[in-house]
Amino acid sequence: MQLTEYTGFAIKQLKRFAKRYRVHVICVAHPAKIPRSKVGQFPIPALYDIADSAHWANKPDVGIIIHRPDVTKPNTLIGIAKVRYRSVGRPGDLAGVWNEDTSRYTMGESSEILDDDDA
């Protein structure tokens, strides 16, 4: 079995498991190596940037992207890139702040996004 075939098979098995046992399964996958832009920043990855297979974009019911343009600053983009069923939510972006002490993101009205001058 090729890697792409196995990836599709594995995602299908995870979805079956979740449906059978009525649980939510979260699978974390990292993008393939993304080249920096001319100014030295990484572009926001897409679900198709995940290594080894387009199945990572095609098969899941929900696709979330977490992107920190500058890892030395807490500013974070949390992008809901895909939602198959509208009863679960809708695509969109949230701004967040990573808190190193609590290992959590703060989002929405309670988050204070730092400008480059503030960090």
PDB file of N, CA and C in Angstrom:
ATOM      1  N   MET A   1       0.850  -1.170   0.000  1.00  0.00           N
ATOM      2  CA  MET A   1       0.000   0.000   0.000  1.00  0.00           C
ATOM      3  C   MET A   1       0.902   1.242   0.000  1.00  0.00           C
ATOM      4  N   GLN A   2       0.628   2.146  -0.900  1.00  0.00           N
ATOM      5  CA  GLN A   2       1.380   3.394  -0.964  1.00  0.00           C
ATOM      6  C   GLN A   2       0.997   4.294   0.222  1.00  0.00           C
ATOM      7  N   LEU A   3       1.854   5.257   0.536  1.00  0.00           N
ATOM      8  CA  LEU A   3       1.617   6.150   1.675  1.00  0.00           C
ATOM      9  C   LEU A   3       0.309   6.925   1.523  1.00  0.00           C
ATOM     10  N   THR A   4       0.024   7.414   0.332  1.00  0.00           N
ATOM     11  CA  THR A   4      -1.220   8.153   0.102  1.00  0.00           C
ATOM     12  C   THR A   4      -2.430   7.259   0.344  1.00  0.00           C
ATOM     13  N   GLU A   5      -2.373   6.021  -0.121  1.00  0.00           N
ATOM     14  CA  GLU A   5      -3.478   5.080   0.095  1.00  0.00           C
ATOM     15  C   GLU A   5      -3.643   4.785   1.583  1.00  0.00           C
ATOM     16  N   TYR A   6      -2.519   4.602   2.271  1.00  0.00           N
ATOM     17  CA  TYR A   6      -2.589   4.319   3.705  1.00  0.00           C
ATOM     18  C   TYR A   6      -3.166   5.509   4.476  1.00  0.00           C
ATOM     19  N   THR A   7      -2.787   6.720   4.099  1.00  0.00           N
ATOM     20  CA  THR A   7      -3.308   7.910   4.770  1.00  0.00           C
ATOM     21  C   THR A   7      -4.824   7.964   4.636  1.00  0.00           C
ATOM     22  N   GLY A   8      -5.330   7.754   3.431  1.00  0.00           N
ATOM     23  CA  GLY A   8      -6.774   7.736   3.213  1.00  0.00           C
ATOM     24  C   GLY A   8      -7.459   6.647   4.018  1.00  0.00           C
ATOM     25  N   PHE A   9      -6.853   5.456   4.038  1.00  0.00           N
ATOM     26  CA  PHE A   9      -7.387   4.334   4.794  1.00  0.00           C
ATOM     27  C   PHE A   9      -7.423   4.649   6.293  1.00  0.00           C
ATOM     28  N   ALA A  10      -6.339   5.198   6.808  1.00  0.00           N
ATOM     29  CA  ALA A  10      -6.248   5.501   8.240  1.00  0.00           C
ATOM     30  C   ALA A  10      -7.277   6.558   8.648  1.00  0.00           C
ATOM     31  N   ILE A  11      -7.439   7.592   7.844  1.00  0.00           N
ATOM     32  CA  ILE A  11      -8.427   8.629   8.164  1.00  0.00           C
ATOM     33  C   ILE A  11      -9.831   8.025   8.149  1.00  0.00           C
ATOM     34  N   LYS A  12     -10.104   7.164   7.179  1.00  0.00           N
ATOM     35  CA  LYS A  12     -11.411   6.500   7.094  1.00  0.00           C
ATOM     36  C   LYS A  12     -11.664   5.657   8.341  1.00  0.00           C
ATOM     37  N   GLN A  13     -10.645   4.943   8.806  1.00  0.00           N
ATOM     38  CA  GLN A  13     -10.780   4.121  10.011  1.00  0.00           C
ATOM     39  C   GLN A  13     -11.036   4.987  11.247  1.00  0.00           C
ATOM     40  N   LEU A  14     -10.351   6.124  11.343  1.00  0.00           N
ATOM     41  CA  LEU A  14     -10.571   7.038  12.470  1.00  0.00           C
ATOM     42  C   LEU A  14     -12.000   7.574  12.463  1.00  0.00           C
ATOM     43  N   LYS A  15     -12.509   7.904  11.285  1.00  0.00           N
ATOM     44  CA  LYS A  15     -13.881   8.400  11.185  1.00  0.00           C
ATOM     45  C   LYS A  15     -14.892   7.319  11.582  1.00  0.00           C
ATOM     46  N   ARG A  16     -14.633   6.085  11.169  1.00  0.00           N
ATOM     47  CA  ARG A  16     -15.515   4.967  11.558  1.00  0.00           C
ATOM     48  C   ARG A  16     -15.511   4.765  13.064  1.00  0.00           C
ATOM     49  N   PHE A  17     -14.316   4.813  13.660  1.00  0.00           N
ATOM     50  CA  PHE A  17     -14.184   4.667  15.112  1.00  0.00           C
ATOM     51  C   PHE A  17     -14.990   5.746  15.826  1.00  0.00           C
ATOM     52  N   ALA A  18     -14.843   7.004  15.374  1.00  0.00           N
ATOM     53  CA  ALA A  18     -15.543   8.124  16.010  1.00  0.00           C
ATOM     54  C   ALA A  18     -17.058   7.958  15.915  1.00  0.00           C
ATOM     55  N   LYS A  19     -17.526   7.533  14.762  1.00  0.00           N
ATOM     56  CA  LYS A  19     -18.969   7.360  14.577  1.00  0.00           C
ATOM     57  C   LYS A  19     -19.487   6.203  15.431  1.00  0.00           C
ATOM     58  N   ARG A  20     -18.747   5.109  15.437  1.00  0.00           N
ATOM     59  CA  ARG A  20     -19.188   3.932  16.181  1.00  0.00           C
ATOM     60  C   ARG A  20     -19.272   4.195  17.685  1.00  0.00           C
ATOM     61  N   TYR A  21     -18.260   4.884  18.221  1.00  0.00           N
ATOM     62  CA  TYR A  21     -18.207   5.099  19.670  1.00  0.00           C
ATOM     63  C   TYR A  21     -18.697   6.490  20.091  1.00  0.00           C
ATOM     64  N   ARG A  22     -19.219   7.245  19.121  1.00  0.00           N
ATOM     65  CA  ARG A  22     -19.790   8.569  19.384  1.00  0.00           C
ATOM     66  C   ARG A  22     -18.809   9.465  20.146  1.00  0.00           C
ATOM     67  N   VAL A  23     -17.590   9.554  19.600  1.00  0.00           N
ATOM     68  CA  VAL A  23     -16.553  10.395  20.173  1.00  0.00           C
ATOM     69  C   VAL A  23     -16.028  11.333  19.092  1.00  0.00           C
ATOM     70  N   HIS A  24     -15.334  12.345  19.519  1.00  0.00           N
ATOM     71  CA  HIS A  24     -14.705  13.282  18.593  1.00  0.00           C
ATOM     72  C   HIS A  24     -13.223  12.951  18.530  1.00  0.00           C
ATOM     73  N   VAL A  25     -12.731  12.691  17.347  1.00  0.00           N
ATOM     74  CA  VAL A  25     -11.327  12.346  17.164  1.00  0.00           C
ATOM     75  C   VAL A  25     -10.610  13.534  16.556  1.00  0.00           C
ATOM     76  N   ILE A  26      -9.504  13.917  17.165  1.00  0.00           N
ATOM     77  CA  ILE A  26      -8.680  15.008  16.649  1.00  0.00           C
ATOM     78  C   ILE A  26      -7.348  14.412  16.232  1.00  0.00           C
ATOM     79  N   CYS A  27      -6.986  14.661  15.004  1.00  0.00           N
ATOM     80  CA  CYS A  27      -5.708  14.181  14.482  1.00  0.00           C
ATOM     81  C   CYS A  27      -4.880  15.403  14.113  1.00  0.00           C
ATOM     82  N   VAL A  28      -3.705  15.510  14.684  1.00  0.00           N
ATOM     83  CA  VAL A  28      -2.831  16.653  14.441  1.00  0.00           C
ATOM     84  C   VAL A  28      -1.795  16.263  13.400  1.00  0.00           C
ATOM     85  N   ALA A  29      -1.673  17.099  12.367  1.00  0.00           N
ATOM     86  CA  ALA A  29      -0.692  16.840  11.312  1.00  0.00           C
ATOM     87  C   ALA A  29       0.019  18.148  10.981  1.00  0.00           C
ATOM     88  N   HIS A  30       1.300  18.055  10.732  1.00  0.00           N
ATOM     89  CA  HIS A  30       2.096  19.237  10.423  1.00  0.00           C
ATOM     90  C   HIS A  30       2.277  19.373   8.920  1.00  0.00           C
ATOM     91  N   PRO A  31       2.397  20.605   8.445  1.00  0.00           N
ATOM     92  CA  PRO A  31       2.611  20.789   7.009  1.00  0.00           C
ATOM     93  C   PRO A  31       4.009  20.330   6.595  1.00  0.00           C
ATOM     94  N   ALA A  32       4.134  20.074   5.310  1.00  0.00           N
ATOM     95  CA  ALA A  32       5.458  19.805   4.753  1.00  0.00           C
ATOM     96  C   ALA A  32       6.274  21.087   4.875  1.00  0.00           C
ATOM     97  N   LYS A  33       7.538  21.004   4.618  1.00  0.00           N
ATOM     98  CA  LYS A  33       8.407  22.183   4.710  1.00  0.00           C
ATOM     99  C   LYS A  33       7.898  23.280   3.767  1.00  0.00           C
ATOM    100  N   ILE A  34       7.564  24.423   4.346  1.00  0.00           N
ATOM    101  CA  ILE A  34       7.052  25.552   3.572  1.00  0.00           C
ATOM    102  C   ILE A  34       8.166  26.589   3.466  1.00  0.00           C
ATOM    103  N   PRO A  35       8.477  27.019   2.253  1.00  0.00           N
ATOM    104  CA  PRO A  35       9.550  28.011   2.102  1.00  0.00           C
ATOM    105  C   PRO A  35       9.128  29.384   2.630  1.00  0.00           C
ATOM    106  N   ARG A  36      10.089  30.108   3.167  1.00  0.00           N
ATOM    107  CA  ARG A  36       9.833  31.462   3.656  1.00  0.00           C
ATOM    108  C   ARG A  36       9.644  32.412   2.485  1.00  0.00           C
ATOM    109  N   SER A  37       8.925  33.496   2.748  1.00  0.00           N
ATOM    110  CA  SER A  37       8.756  34.526   1.733  1.00  0.00           C
ATOM    111  C   SER A  37      10.038  35.353   1.622  1.00  0.00           C
ATOM    112  N   LYS A  38      10.051  36.297   0.711  1.00  0.00           N
ATOM    113  CA  LYS A  38      11.246  37.121   0.517  1.00  0.00           C
ATOM    114  C   LYS A  38      11.580  37.962   1.743  1.00  0.00           C
ATOM    115  N   VAL A  39      10.562  38.261   2.574  1.00  0.00           N
ATOM    116  CA  VAL A  39      10.812  39.045   3.787  1.00  0.00           C
ATOM    117  C   VAL A  39      11.079  38.147   4.995  1.00  0.00           C
ATOM    118  N   GLY A  40      11.166  36.829   4.766  1.00  0.00           N
ATOM    119  CA  GLY A  40      11.558  35.912   5.834  1.00  0.00           C
ATOM    120  C   GLY A  40      10.436  35.337   6.660  1.00  0.00           C
ATOM    121  N   GLN A  41       9.178  35.546   6.253  1.00  0.00           N
ATOM    122  CA  GLN A  41       8.058  35.004   7.015  1.00  0.00           C
ATOM    123  C   GLN A  41       7.491  33.770   6.325  1.00  0.00           C
ATOM    124  N   PHE A  42       6.884  32.915   7.120  1.00  0.00           N
ATOM    125  CA  PHE A  42       6.220  31.749   6.566  1.00  0.00           C
ATOM    126  C   PHE A  42       4.795  32.120   6.176  1.00  0.00           C
ATOM    127  N   PRO A  43       4.334  31.697   4.992  1.00  0.00           N
ATOM    128  CA  PRO A  43       2.939  31.964   4.622  1.00  0.00           C
ATOM    129  C   PRO A  43       2.009  31.096   5.468  1.00  0.00           C
ATOM    130  N   ILE A  44       0.751  31.479   5.509  1.00  0.00           N
ATOM    131  CA  ILE A  44      -0.242  30.689   6.245  1.00  0.00           C
ATOM    132  C   ILE A  44      -0.432  29.374   5.485  1.00  0.00           C
ATOM    133  N   PRO A  45      -0.229  28.243   6.142  1.00  0.00           N
ATOM    134  CA  PRO A  45      -0.385  26.965   5.446  1.00  0.00           C
ATOM    135  C   PRO A  45      -1.854  26.663   5.162  1.00  0.00           C
ATOM    136  N   ALA A  46      -2.079  25.789   4.223  1.00  0.00           N
ATOM    137  CA  ALA A  46      -3.421  25.304   3.897  1.00  0.00           C
ATOM    138  C   ALA A  46      -3.476  23.814   4.219  1.00  0.00           C
ATOM    139  N   LEU A  47      -4.668  23.245   4.222  1.00  0.00           N
ATOM    140  CA  LEU A  47      -4.793  21.815   4.500  1.00  0.00           C
ATOM    141  C   LEU A  47      -4.059  20.974   3.462  1.00  0.00           C
ATOM    142  N   TYR A  48      -3.963  21.468   2.242  1.00  0.00           N
ATOM    143  CA  TYR A  48      -3.246  20.730   1.195  1.00  0.00           C
ATOM    144  C   TYR A  48      -1.723  20.773   1.388  1.00  0.00           C
ATOM    145  N   ASP A  49      -1.236  21.583   2.314  1.00  0.00           N
ATOM    146  CA  ASP A  49       0.201  21.653   2.588  1.00  0.00           C
ATOM    147  C   ASP A  49       0.676  20.570   3.537  1.00  0.00           C
ATOM    148  N   ILE A  50      -0.237  19.793   4.091  1.00  0.00           N
ATOM    149  CA  ILE A  50       0.155  18.714   4.994  1.00  0.00           C
ATOM    150  C   ILE A  50       0.831  17.626   4.173  1.00  0.00           C
ATOM    151  N   ALA A  51       1.925  17.140   4.690  1.00  0.00           N
ATOM    152  CA  ALA A  51       2.765  16.194   3.955  1.00  0.00           C
ATOM    153  C   ALA A  51       2.052  14.886   3.636  1.00  0.00           C
ATOM    154  N   ASP A  52       2.427  14.296   2.529  1.00  0.00           N
ATOM    155  CA  ASP A  52       2.124  12.935   2.114  1.00  0.00           C
ATOM    156  C   ASP A  52       0.794  12.707   1.404  1.00  0.00           C
ATOM    157  N   SER A  53      -0.221  13.567   1.577  1.00  0.00           N
ATOM    158  CA  SER A  53      -1.467  13.251   0.911  1.00  0.00           C
ATOM    159  C   SER A  53      -2.466  14.398   0.948  1.00  0.00           C
ATOM    160  N   ALA A  54      -3.230  14.530  -0.132  1.00  0.00           N
ATOM    161  CA  ALA A  54      -4.338  15.487  -0.171  1.00  0.00           C
ATOM    162  C   ALA A  54      -5.516  14.984   0.660  1.00  0.00           C
ATOM    163  N   HIS A  55      -5.464  13.736   1.100  1.00  0.00           N
ATOM    164  CA  HIS A  55      -6.534  13.191   1.938  1.00  0.00           C
ATOM    165  C   HIS A  55      -6.714  14.009   3.222  1.00  0.00           C
ATOM    166  N   TRP A  56      -5.621  14.625   3.708  1.00  0.00           N
ATOM    167  CA  TRP A  56      -5.715  15.450   4.917  1.00  0.00           C
ATOM    168  C   TRP A  56      -6.668  16.621   4.704  1.00  0.00           C
ATOM    169  N   ALA A  57      -6.831  17.070   3.484  1.00  0.00           N
ATOM    170  CA  ALA A  57      -7.762  18.167   3.179  1.00  0.00           C
ATOM    171  C   ALA A  57      -9.128  17.636   2.766  1.00  0.00           C
ATOM    172  N   ASN A  58      -9.163  16.503   2.100  1.00  0.00           N
ATOM    173  CA  ASN A  58     -10.413  16.013   1.512  1.00  0.00           C
ATOM    174  C   ASN A  58     -11.292  15.207   2.455  1.00  0.00           C
ATOM    175  N   LYS A  59     -10.728  14.410   3.315  1.00  0.00           N
ATOM    176  CA  LYS A  59     -11.525  13.475   4.109  1.00  0.00           C
ATOM    177  C   LYS A  59     -12.056  14.002   5.446  1.00  0.00           C
ATOM    178  N   PRO A  60     -11.338  14.840   6.179  1.00  0.00           N
ATOM    179  CA  PRO A  60     -11.853  15.263   7.487  1.00  0.00           C
ATOM    180  C   PRO A  60     -13.145  16.089   7.386  1.00  0.00           C
ATOM    181  N   ASP A  61     -13.928  16.046   8.450  1.00  0.00           N
ATOM    182  CA  ASP A  61     -15.137  16.856   8.519  1.00  0.00           C
ATOM    183  C   ASP A  61     -14.816  18.288   8.931  1.00  0.00           C
ATOM    184  N   VAL A  62     -13.762  18.462   9.704  1.00  0.00           N
ATOM    185  CA  VAL A  62     -13.337  19.788  10.158  1.00  0.00           C
ATOM    186  C   VAL A  62     -11.831  19.901   9.962  1.00  0.00           C
ATOM    187  N   GLY A  63     -11.395  21.030   9.438  1.00  0.00           N
ATOM    188  CA  GLY A  63      -9.965  21.286   9.263  1.00  0.00           C
ATOM    189  C   GLY A  63      -9.593  22.610   9.910  1.00  0.00           C
ATOM    190  N   ILE A  64      -8.693  22.577  10.855  1.00  0.00           N
ATOM    191  CA  ILE A  64      -8.276  23.768  11.593  1.00  0.00           C
ATOM    192  C   ILE A  64      -6.792  24.002  11.358  1.00  0.00           C
ATOM    193  N   ILE A  65      -6.444  25.257  11.130  1.00  0.00           N
ATOM    194  CA  ILE A  65      -5.046  25.636  10.924  1.00  0.00           C
ATOM    195  C   ILE A  65      -4.651  26.598  12.033  1.00  0.00           C
ATOM    196  N   ILE A  66      -3.554  26.307  12.699  1.00  0.00           N
ATOM    197  CA  ILE A  66      -3.020  27.204  13.717  1.00  0.00           C
ATOM    198  C   ILE A  66      -1.686  27.714  13.198  1.00  0.00           C
ATOM    199  N   HIS A  67      -1.569  29.028  13.119  1.00  0.00           N
ATOM    200  CA  HIS A  67      -0.389  29.634  12.492  1.00  0.00           C
ATOM    201  C   HIS A  67       0.136  30.769  13.355  1.00  0.00           C
ATOM    202  N   ARG A  68       1.418  30.672  13.703  1.00  0.00           N
ATOM    203  CA  ARG A  68       2.091  31.763  14.408  1.00  0.00           C
ATOM    204  C   ARG A  68       3.150  32.308  13.457  1.00  0.00           C
ATOM    205  N   PRO A  69       2.891  33.478  12.855  1.00  0.00           N
ATOM    206  CA  PRO A  69       3.832  34.017  11.876  1.00  0.00           C
ATOM    207  C   PRO A  69       5.224  34.252  12.445  1.00  0.00           C
ATOM    208  N   ASP A  70       5.293  34.613  13.708  1.00  0.00           N
ATOM    209  CA  ASP A  70       6.574  34.869  14.361  1.00  0.00           C
ATOM    210  C   ASP A  70       6.548  34.133  15.695  1.00  0.00           C
ATOM    211  N   VAL A  71       7.308  33.048  15.805  1.00  0.00           N
ATOM    212  CA  VAL A  71       7.247  32.225  17.014  1.00  0.00           C
ATOM    213  C   VAL A  71       7.821  32.924  18.239  1.00  0.00           C
ATOM    214  N   THR A  72       8.454  34.070  18.055  1.00  0.00           N
ATOM    215  CA  THR A  72       8.957  34.821  19.206  1.00  0.00           C
ATOM    216  C   THR A  72       7.876  35.710  19.803  1.00  0.00           C
ATOM    217  N   LYS A  73       6.717  35.797  19.132  1.00  0.00           N
ATOM    218  CA  LYS A  73       5.595  36.604  19.616  1.00  0.00           C
ATOM    219  C   LYS A  73       4.374  35.711  19.801  1.00  0.00           C
ATOM    220  N   PRO A  74       3.476  36.075  20.718  1.00  0.00           N
ATOM    221  CA  PRO A  74       2.342  35.202  21.016  1.00  0.00           C
ATOM    222  C   PRO A  74       1.179  35.290  20.025  1.00  0.00           C
ATOM    223  N   ASN A  75       1.210  36.233  19.088  1.00  0.00           N
ATOM    224  CA  ASN A  75       0.098  36.392  18.153  1.00  0.00           C
ATOM    225  C   ASN A  75      -0.100  35.127  17.332  1.00  0.00           C
ATOM    226  N   THR A  76      -1.348  34.705  17.221  1.00  0.00           N
ATOM    227  CA  THR A  76      -1.666  33.451  16.555  1.00  0.00           C
ATOM    228  C   THR A  76      -2.920  33.613  15.717  1.00  0.00           C
ATOM    229  N   LEU A  77      -2.917  33.000  14.542  1.00  0.00           N
ATOM    230  CA  LEU A  77      -4.113  32.926  13.715  1.00  0.00           C
ATOM    231  C   LEU A  77      -4.667  31.522  13.853  1.00  0.00           C
ATOM    232  N   ILE A  78      -5.935  31.417  14.198  1.00  0.00           N
ATOM    233  CA  ILE A  78      -6.604  30.131  14.271  1.00  0.00           C
ATOM    234  C   ILE A  78      -7.653  30.153  13.173  1.00  0.00           C
ATOM    235  N   GLY A  79      -7.397  29.379  12.133  1.00  0.00           N
ATOM    236  CA  GLY A  79      -8.273  29.388  10.977  1.00  0.00           C
ATOM    237  C   GLY A  79      -9.078  28.110  10.873  1.00  0.00           C
ATOM    238  N   ILE A  80     -10.383  28.271  10.783  1.00  0.00           N
ATOM    239  CA  ILE A  80     -11.256  27.135  10.530  1.00  0.00           C
ATOM    240  C   ILE A  80     -11.356  27.051   9.009  1.00  0.00           C
ATOM    241  N   ALA A  81     -10.561  26.165   8.416  1.00  0.00           N
ATOM    242  CA  ALA A  81     -10.439  26.102   6.969  1.00  0.00           C
ATOM    243  C   ALA A  81     -11.545  25.277   6.318  1.00  0.00           C
ATOM    244  N   LYS A  82     -12.098  24.329   7.058  1.00  0.00           N
ATOM    245  CA  LYS A  82     -13.107  23.454   6.470  1.00  0.00           C
ATOM    246  C   LYS A  82     -14.089  22.999   7.535  1.00  0.00           C
ATOM    247  N   VAL A  83     -15.374  23.055   7.187  1.00  0.00           N
ATOM    248  CA  VAL A  83     -16.419  22.496   8.031  1.00  0.00           C
ATOM    249  C   VAL A  83     -17.417  21.811   7.097  1.00  0.00           C
ATOM    250  N   ARG A  84     -17.487  20.501   7.186  1.00  0.00           N
ATOM    251  CA  ARG A  84     -18.362  19.750   6.280  1.00  0.00           C
ATOM    252  C   ARG A  84     -19.838  19.954   6.637  1.00  0.00           C
ATOM    253  N   TYR A  85     -20.167  19.978   7.914  1.00  0.00           N
ATOM    254  CA  TYR A  85     -21.558  20.085   8.355  1.00  0.00           C
ATOM    255  C   TYR A  85     -21.766  21.404   9.087  1.00  0.00           C
ATOM    256  N   ARG A  86     -22.690  22.203   8.612  1.00  0.00           N
ATOM    257  CA  ARG A  86     -22.932  23.530   9.199  1.00  0.00           C
ATOM    258  C   ARG A  86     -23.430  23.453  10.635  1.00  0.00           C
ATOM    259  N   SER A  87     -23.966  22.323  11.063  1.00  0.00           N
ATOM    260  CA  SER A  87     -24.400  22.194  12.451  1.00  0.00           C
ATOM    261  C   SER A  87     -23.215  22.190  13.407  1.00  0.00           C
ATOM    262  N   VAL A  88     -22.020  21.924  12.893  1.00  0.00           N
ATOM    263  CA  VAL A  88     -20.814  21.881  13.714  1.00  0.00           C
ATOM    264  C   VAL A  88     -20.178  23.259  13.835  1.00  0.00           C
ATOM    265  N   GLY A  89     -20.314  24.079  12.809  1.00  0.00           N
ATOM    266  CA  GLY A  89     -19.706  25.406  12.820  1.00  0.00           C
ATOM    267  C   GLY A  89     -19.588  25.938  11.411  1.00  0.00           C
ATOM    268  N   ARG A  90     -18.756  26.953  11.247  1.00  0.00           N
ATOM    269  CA  ARG A  90     -18.556  27.541   9.924  1.00  0.00           C
ATOM    270  C   ARG A  90     -17.108  27.986   9.777  1.00  0.00           C
ATOM    271  N   PRO A  91     -16.630  28.035   8.544  1.00  0.00           N
ATOM    272  CA  PRO A  91     -15.249  28.477   8.316  1.00  0.00           C
ATOM    273  C   PRO A  91     -15.054  29.939   8.717  1.00  0.00           C
ATOM    274  N   GLY A  92     -13.861  30.272   9.090  1.00  0.00           N
ATOM    275  CA  GLY A  92     -13.525  31.644   9.468  1.00  0.00           C
ATOM    276  C   GLY A  92     -12.215  31.675  10.227  1.00  0.00           C
ATOM    277  N   ASP A  93     -11.773  32.873  10.541  1.00  0.00           N
ATOM    278  CA  ASP A  93     -10.503  33.056  11.251  1.00  0.00           C
ATOM    279  C   ASP A  93     -10.728  33.724  12.592  1.00  0.00           C
ATOM    280  N   LEU A  94      -9.931  33.333  13.559  1.00  0.00           N
ATOM    281  CA  LEU A  94      -9.922  33.953  14.876  1.00  0.00           C
ATOM    282  C   LEU A  94      -8.505  34.412  15.180  1.00  0.00           C
ATOM    283  N   ALA A  95      -8.398  35.532  15.832  1.00  0.00           N
ATOM    284  CA  ALA A  95      -7.093  35.978  16.317  1.00  0.00           C
ATOM    285  C   ALA A  95      -6.951  35.480  17.747  1.00  0.00           C
ATOM    286  N   GLY A  96      -5.790  35.050  18.080  1.00  0.00           N
ATOM    287  CA  GLY A  96      -5.552  34.553  19.425  1.00  0.00           C
ATOM    288  C   GLY A  96      -4.178  34.926  19.921  1.00  0.00           C
ATOM    289  N   VAL A  97      -3.977  34.696  21.207  1.00  0.00           N
ATOM    290  CA  VAL A  97      -2.687  34.944  21.837  1.00  0.00           C
ATOM    291  C   VAL A  97      -2.294  33.678  22.578  1.00  0.00           C
ATOM    292  N   TRP A  98      -1.071  33.198  22.320  1.00  0.00           N
ATOM    293  CA  TRP A  98      -0.548  32.008  22.992  1.00  0.00           C
ATOM    294  C   TRP A  98       0.032  32.416  24.333  1.00  0.00           C
ATOM    295  N   ASN A  99      -0.405  31.757  25.402  1.00  0.00           N
ATOM    296  CA  ASN A  99       0.101  32.011  26.735  1.00  0.00           C
ATOM    297  C   ASN A  99       1.050  30.872  27.106  1.00  0.00           C
ATOM    298  N   GLU A 100       2.322  31.165  27.130  1.00  0.00           N
ATOM    299  CA  GLU A 100       3.349  30.152  27.402  1.00  0.00           C
ATOM    300  C   GLU A 100       3.199  29.551  28.799  1.00  0.00           C
ATOM    301  N   ASP A 101       2.778  30.365  29.781  1.00  0.00           N
ATOM    302  CA  ASP A 101       2.664  29.889  31.163  1.00  0.00           C
ATOM    303  C   ASP A 101       1.565  28.849  31.337  1.00  0.00           C
ATOM    304  N   THR A 102       0.426  29.052  30.658  1.00  0.00           N
ATOM    305  CA  THR A 102      -0.709  28.144  30.819  1.00  0.00           C
ATOM    306  C   THR A 102      -0.824  27.142  29.679  1.00  0.00           C
ATOM    307  N   SER A 103      -0.007  27.319  28.628  1.00  0.00           N
ATOM    308  CA  SER A 103      -0.068  26.474  27.428  1.00  0.00           C
ATOM    309  C   SER A 103      -1.465  26.477  26.816  1.00  0.00           C
ATOM    310  N   ARG A 104      -2.053  27.681  26.752  1.00  0.00           N
ATOM    311  CA  ARG A 104      -3.400  27.840  26.192  1.00  0.00           C
ATOM    312  C   ARG A 104      -3.462  29.076  25.308  1.00  0.00           C
ATOM    313  N   TYR A 105      -4.450  29.064  24.421  1.00  0.00           N
ATOM    314  CA  TYR A 105      -4.732  30.231  23.595  1.00  0.00           C
ATOM    315  C   TYR A 105      -5.851  31.030  24.236  1.00  0.00           C
ATOM    316  N   THR A 106      -5.762  32.328  24.146  1.00  0.00           N
ATOM    317  CA  THR A 106      -6.850  33.217  24.529  1.00  0.00           C
ATOM    318  C   THR A 106      -7.373  33.817  23.238  1.00  0.00           C
ATOM    319  N   MET A 107      -8.682  33.735  23.039  1.00  0.00           N
ATOM    320  CA  MET A 107      -9.269  34.207  21.784  1.00  0.00           C
ATOM    321  C   MET A 107     -10.457  35.098  22.067  1.00  0.00           C
ATOM    322  N   GLY A 108     -10.891  35.799  21.032  1.00  0.00           N
ATOM    323  CA  GLY A 108     -12.107  36.590  21.107  1.00  0.00           C
ATOM    324  C   GLY A 108     -11.915  37.856  21.908  1.00  0.00           C
ATOM    325  N   GLU A 109     -12.989  38.267  22.576  1.00  0.00           N
ATOM    326  CA  GLU A 109     -12.983  39.533  23.303  1.00  0.00           C
ATOM    327  C   GLU A 109     -11.974  39.558  24.445  1.00  0.00           C
ATOM    328  N   SER A 110     -11.675  38.407  25.019  1.00  0.00           N
ATOM    329  CA  SER A 110     -10.752  38.394  26.156  1.00  0.00           C
ATOM    330  C   SER A 110      -9.280  38.403  25.728  1.00  0.00           C
ATOM    331  N   SER A 111      -9.027  38.318  24.435  1.00  0.00           N
ATOM    332  CA  SER A 111      -7.634  38.310  23.994  1.00  0.00           C
ATOM    333  C   SER A 111      -7.211  39.704  23.574  1.00  0.00           C
ATOM    334  N   GLU A 112      -5.975  39.991  23.839  1.00  0.00           N
ATOM    335  CA  GLU A 112      -5.397  41.262  23.412  1.00  0.00           C
ATOM    336  C   GLU A 112      -4.287  40.932  22.434  1.00  0.00           C
ATOM    337  N   ILE A 113      -4.519  41.212  21.178  1.00  0.00           N
ATOM    338  CA  ILE A 113      -3.519  40.944  20.162  1.00  0.00           C
ATOM    339  C   ILE A 113      -2.483  42.053  20.230  1.00  0.00           C
ATOM    340  N   LEU A 114      -1.246  41.648  20.330  1.00  0.00           N
ATOM    341  CA  LEU A 114      -0.170  42.601  20.453  1.00  0.00           C
ATOM    342  C   LEU A 114       0.286  43.075  19.094  1.00  0.00           C
ATOM    343  N   ASP A 115       0.451  44.375  18.943  1.00  0.00           N
ATOM    344  CA  ASP A 115       1.047  44.920  17.725  1.00  0.00           C
ATOM    345  C   ASP A 115       2.540  44.626  17.787  1.00  0.00           C
ATOM    346  N   ASP A 116       3.206  44.763  16.650  1.00  0.00           N
ATOM    347  CA  ASP A 116       4.656  44.532  16.612  1.00  0.00           C
ATOM    348  C   ASP A 116       5.400  45.437  17.587  1.00  0.00           C
ATOM    349  N   ASP A 117       4.868  46.638  17.825  1.00  0.00           N
ATOM    350  CA  ASP A 117       5.526  47.582  18.742  1.00  0.00           C
ATOM    351  C   ASP A 117       5.360  47.178  20.194  1.00  0.00           C
ATOM    352  N   ASP A 118       4.268  46.423  20.503  1.00  0.00           N
ATOM    353  CA  ASP A 118       3.972  46.058  21.888  1.00  0.00           C
ATOM    354  C   ASP A 118       4.741  44.831  22.358  1.00  0.00           C
ATOM    355  N   ALA A 119       5.084  43.942  21.454  1.00  0.00           N
ATOM    356  CA  ALA A 119       5.679  42.668  21.859  1.00  0.00           C
ATOM    357  C   ALA A 119       7.151  42.814  22.190  1.00  0.00           C
TER     358      ALA A 119
END
